[in-house]
Amino acid sequence: MLCRADCLREAKSAVDKAKPLVLVYDPVRGGAPLEVIKQDECPGELQGIFEDRKAIEWHRIKVLVAQRSCPQYSRACA
């Protein structure tokens, strides 16, 4: 989602302020594969954010599956 103005502004601000970054991407829901994001959506001045970090692929699961697999999840959300 680096092509969205708000996301770009926040990413640039974090880099300018040397704030810690966690890179997360969702290739399934409205996203793209990481290489596409790097090559097509990320402006040159932000390419450095990928150098020393591993991007985490976001996996969405349905709440019901999470509740059955992790009972404390359903208690925390109640």
N, C-alpha and C. Protein backbone atom coordinates (compact mmCIF):
# COMPACT_ATOMS: atom_id res chain seq x y z
N MET A 1 0.81 -1.20 0.00
CA MET A 1 0.00 0.00 0.00
C MET A 1 0.85 1.26 0.00
N LEU A 2 2.10 1.12 -0.37
CA LEU A 2 2.97 2.28 -0.39
C LEU A 2 2.55 3.29 -1.45
N CYS A 3 1.66 2.90 -2.36
CA CYS A 3 1.26 3.84 -3.39
C CYS A 3 0.21 4.83 -2.86
N ARG A 4 -0.34 4.59 -1.70
CA ARG A 4 -1.31 5.51 -1.13
C ARG A 4 -0.58 6.68 -0.46
N ALA A 5 -1.11 7.86 -0.65
CA ALA A 5 -0.45 9.08 -0.16
C ALA A 5 -0.22 9.05 1.35
N ASP A 6 -1.22 8.63 2.11
CA ASP A 6 -1.08 8.60 3.56
C ASP A 6 0.01 7.62 4.00
N CYS A 7 0.05 6.47 3.38
CA CYS A 7 1.08 5.47 3.72
C CYS A 7 2.47 5.98 3.37
N LEU A 8 2.59 6.60 2.24
CA LEU A 8 3.89 7.16 1.84
C LEU A 8 4.34 8.25 2.81
N ARG A 9 3.42 9.10 3.19
CA ARG A 9 3.75 10.19 4.12
C ARG A 9 4.22 9.62 5.45
N GLU A 10 3.53 8.62 5.97
CA GLU A 10 3.91 8.01 7.24
C GLU A 10 5.25 7.28 7.13
N ALA A 11 5.47 6.58 6.04
CA ALA A 11 6.74 5.87 5.86
C ALA A 11 7.90 6.86 5.77
N LYS A 12 7.71 7.93 5.01
CA LYS A 12 8.77 8.94 4.88
C LYS A 12 9.06 9.60 6.22
N SER A 13 8.02 9.90 6.98
CA SER A 13 8.20 10.52 8.29
C SER A 13 8.95 9.59 9.24
N ALA A 14 8.60 8.31 9.23
CA ALA A 14 9.29 7.34 10.09
C ALA A 14 10.76 7.23 9.73
N VAL A 15 11.06 7.21 8.45
CA VAL A 15 12.45 7.14 8.00
C VAL A 15 13.19 8.42 8.39
N ASP A 16 12.59 9.58 8.16
CA ASP A 16 13.22 10.86 8.49
C ASP A 16 13.52 10.98 9.99
N LYS A 17 12.65 10.42 10.81
CA LYS A 17 12.82 10.50 12.26
C LYS A 17 13.57 9.31 12.84
N ALA A 18 14.05 8.42 11.96
CA ALA A 18 14.79 7.22 12.35
C ALA A 18 14.00 6.37 13.35
N LYS A 19 12.70 6.26 13.12
CA LYS A 19 11.86 5.43 13.97
C LYS A 19 11.97 3.98 13.53
N PRO A 20 11.80 3.06 14.47
CA PRO A 20 11.84 1.64 14.08
C PRO A 20 10.66 1.29 13.18
N LEU A 21 10.90 0.42 12.22
CA LEU A 21 9.87 0.02 11.27
C LEU A 21 9.69 -1.49 11.29
N VAL A 22 8.45 -1.91 11.15
CA VAL A 22 8.14 -3.32 10.92
C VAL A 22 7.40 -3.35 9.60
N LEU A 23 7.92 -4.10 8.65
CA LEU A 23 7.31 -4.18 7.33
C LEU A 23 6.37 -5.37 7.26
N VAL A 24 5.11 -5.10 6.94
CA VAL A 24 4.09 -6.14 6.84
C VAL A 24 3.37 -5.92 5.51
N TYR A 25 3.15 -7.01 4.80
CA TYR A 25 2.42 -6.90 3.53
C TYR A 25 1.40 -8.02 3.42
N ASP A 26 0.32 -7.75 2.71
CA ASP A 26 -0.75 -8.72 2.51
C ASP A 26 -0.90 -8.95 1.01
N PRO A 27 -0.37 -10.06 0.50
CA PRO A 27 -0.44 -10.30 -0.93
C PRO A 27 -1.81 -10.76 -1.42
N VAL A 28 -2.71 -11.08 -0.49
CA VAL A 28 -4.00 -11.65 -0.88
C VAL A 28 -5.09 -10.59 -0.97
N ARG A 29 -5.23 -9.78 0.03
CA ARG A 29 -6.36 -8.85 0.12
C ARG A 29 -5.92 -7.43 -0.21
N GLY A 30 -6.07 -7.06 -1.44
CA GLY A 30 -5.76 -5.71 -1.86
C GLY A 30 -4.28 -5.40 -1.94
N GLY A 31 -3.46 -6.40 -1.79
CA GLY A 31 -2.03 -6.18 -1.80
C GLY A 31 -1.38 -6.76 -3.04
N ALA A 32 -0.09 -6.95 -2.93
CA ALA A 32 0.69 -7.47 -4.04
C ALA A 32 1.85 -8.27 -3.46
N PRO A 33 2.48 -9.09 -4.27
CA PRO A 33 3.69 -9.77 -3.80
C PRO A 33 4.75 -8.74 -3.40
N LEU A 34 5.60 -9.11 -2.48
CA LEU A 34 6.60 -8.19 -1.95
C LEU A 34 7.48 -7.60 -3.05
N GLU A 35 7.90 -8.41 -4.00
CA GLU A 35 8.76 -7.89 -5.07
C GLU A 35 8.07 -6.82 -5.90
N VAL A 36 6.78 -6.97 -6.11
CA VAL A 36 6.01 -5.96 -6.86
C VAL A 36 5.95 -4.67 -6.06
N ILE A 37 5.72 -4.80 -4.76
CA ILE A 37 5.68 -3.61 -3.90
C ILE A 37 7.02 -2.88 -3.95
N LYS A 38 8.10 -3.65 -3.82
CA LYS A 38 9.44 -3.04 -3.85
C LYS A 38 9.71 -2.33 -5.17
N GLN A 39 9.41 -3.00 -6.27
CA GLN A 39 9.77 -2.48 -7.59
C GLN A 39 8.82 -1.41 -8.12
N ASP A 40 7.51 -1.61 -7.89
CA ASP A 40 6.52 -0.75 -8.54
C ASP A 40 5.91 0.32 -7.65
N GLU A 41 5.85 0.07 -6.34
CA GLU A 41 5.13 1.00 -5.47
C GLU A 41 6.04 1.82 -4.58
N CYS A 42 7.23 1.34 -4.31
CA CYS A 42 8.11 2.01 -3.36
C CYS A 42 9.00 3.03 -4.08
N PRO A 43 8.89 4.31 -3.71
CA PRO A 43 9.74 5.31 -4.36
C PRO A 43 11.21 5.11 -3.99
N GLY A 44 12.07 5.61 -4.82
CA GLY A 44 13.51 5.44 -4.65
C GLY A 44 14.03 5.83 -3.28
N GLU A 45 13.51 6.93 -2.73
CA GLU A 45 14.02 7.40 -1.44
C GLU A 45 13.65 6.49 -0.27
N LEU A 46 12.72 5.56 -0.50
CA LEU A 46 12.34 4.63 0.56
C LEU A 46 12.87 3.21 0.33
N GLN A 47 13.56 2.97 -0.75
CA GLN A 47 14.06 1.62 -1.05
C GLN A 47 14.92 1.05 0.07
N GLY A 48 15.60 1.92 0.80
CA GLY A 48 16.48 1.47 1.87
C GLY A 48 15.77 0.76 3.02
N ILE A 49 14.46 0.95 3.15
CA ILE A 49 13.76 0.31 4.27
C ILE A 49 13.76 -1.21 4.14
N PHE A 50 14.00 -1.72 2.95
CA PHE A 50 13.99 -3.17 2.75
C PHE A 50 15.35 -3.82 3.00
N GLU A 51 16.40 -3.01 3.12
CA GLU A 51 17.75 -3.55 3.19
C GLU A 51 18.05 -4.35 4.45
N ASP A 52 17.71 -3.83 5.61
CA ASP A 52 18.09 -4.48 6.87
C ASP A 52 16.90 -5.11 7.59
N ARG A 53 15.80 -5.28 6.90
CA ARG A 53 14.60 -5.81 7.52
C ARG A 53 14.01 -6.93 6.71
N LYS A 54 13.38 -7.83 7.40
CA LYS A 54 12.62 -8.88 6.72
C LYS A 54 11.16 -8.49 6.78
N ALA A 55 10.50 -8.47 5.65
CA ALA A 55 9.08 -8.14 5.60
C ALA A 55 8.27 -9.37 6.03
N ILE A 56 7.23 -9.13 6.80
CA ILE A 56 6.38 -10.19 7.32
C ILE A 56 5.13 -10.29 6.44
N GLU A 57 4.85 -11.48 5.96
CA GLU A 57 3.63 -11.69 5.17
C GLU A 57 2.45 -11.83 6.12
N TRP A 58 1.44 -11.00 5.93
CA TRP A 58 0.26 -11.00 6.77
C TRP A 58 -0.66 -12.13 6.33
N HIS A 59 -1.09 -12.94 7.29
CA HIS A 59 -2.03 -14.03 7.01
C HIS A 59 -3.32 -13.75 7.75
N ARG A 60 -4.38 -13.61 7.00
CA ARG A 60 -5.69 -13.36 7.61
C ARG A 60 -6.37 -14.70 7.89
N ILE A 61 -6.96 -14.77 9.05
CA ILE A 61 -7.74 -15.97 9.39
C ILE A 61 -9.09 -15.52 9.91
N LYS A 62 -10.04 -16.37 9.79
CA LYS A 62 -11.37 -16.03 10.29
C LYS A 62 -11.36 -16.12 11.81
N VAL A 63 -12.16 -15.27 12.44
CA VAL A 63 -12.21 -15.22 13.90
C VAL A 63 -12.61 -16.57 14.46
N LEU A 64 -13.55 -17.25 13.83
CA LEU A 64 -13.99 -18.55 14.33
C LEU A 64 -12.83 -19.53 14.42
N VAL A 65 -11.99 -19.57 13.42
CA VAL A 65 -10.83 -20.46 13.44
C VAL A 65 -9.91 -20.06 14.58
N ALA A 66 -9.70 -18.77 14.76
CA ALA A 66 -8.83 -18.29 15.83
C ALA A 66 -9.42 -18.65 17.20
N GLN A 67 -10.73 -18.54 17.34
CA GLN A 67 -11.36 -18.85 18.62
C GLN A 67 -11.22 -20.33 18.95
N ARG A 68 -11.35 -21.17 17.97
CA ARG A 68 -11.23 -22.61 18.21
C ARG A 68 -9.79 -23.02 18.47
N SER A 69 -8.85 -22.39 17.78
CA SER A 69 -7.46 -22.76 17.93
C SER A 69 -6.83 -22.14 19.16
N CYS A 70 -7.34 -21.01 19.56
CA CYS A 70 -6.71 -20.25 20.63
C CYS A 70 -7.81 -19.71 21.55
N PRO A 71 -8.28 -20.52 22.50
CA PRO A 71 -9.40 -20.12 23.35
C PRO A 71 -9.19 -18.78 24.06
N GLN A 72 -7.94 -18.47 24.42
CA GLN A 72 -7.72 -17.18 25.11
C GLN A 72 -8.03 -16.00 24.20
N TYR A 73 -8.00 -16.20 22.87
CA TYR A 73 -8.36 -15.15 21.93
C TYR A 73 -9.81 -14.75 22.11
N SER A 74 -10.70 -15.71 22.21
CA SER A 74 -12.11 -15.40 22.34
C SER A 74 -12.42 -14.73 23.67
N ARG A 75 -11.69 -15.11 24.74
CA ARG A 75 -11.89 -14.45 26.04
C ARG A 75 -11.40 -13.01 25.99
N ALA A 76 -10.30 -12.77 25.30
CA ALA A 76 -9.74 -11.42 25.23
C ALA A 76 -10.65 -10.48 24.45
N CYS A 77 -11.39 -11.02 23.49
CA CYS A 77 -12.25 -10.20 22.64
C CYS A 77 -13.67 -10.10 23.17
N ALA A 78 -13.99 -10.80 24.23
CA ALA A 78 -15.36 -10.80 24.76
C ALA A 78 -15.68 -9.50 25.47
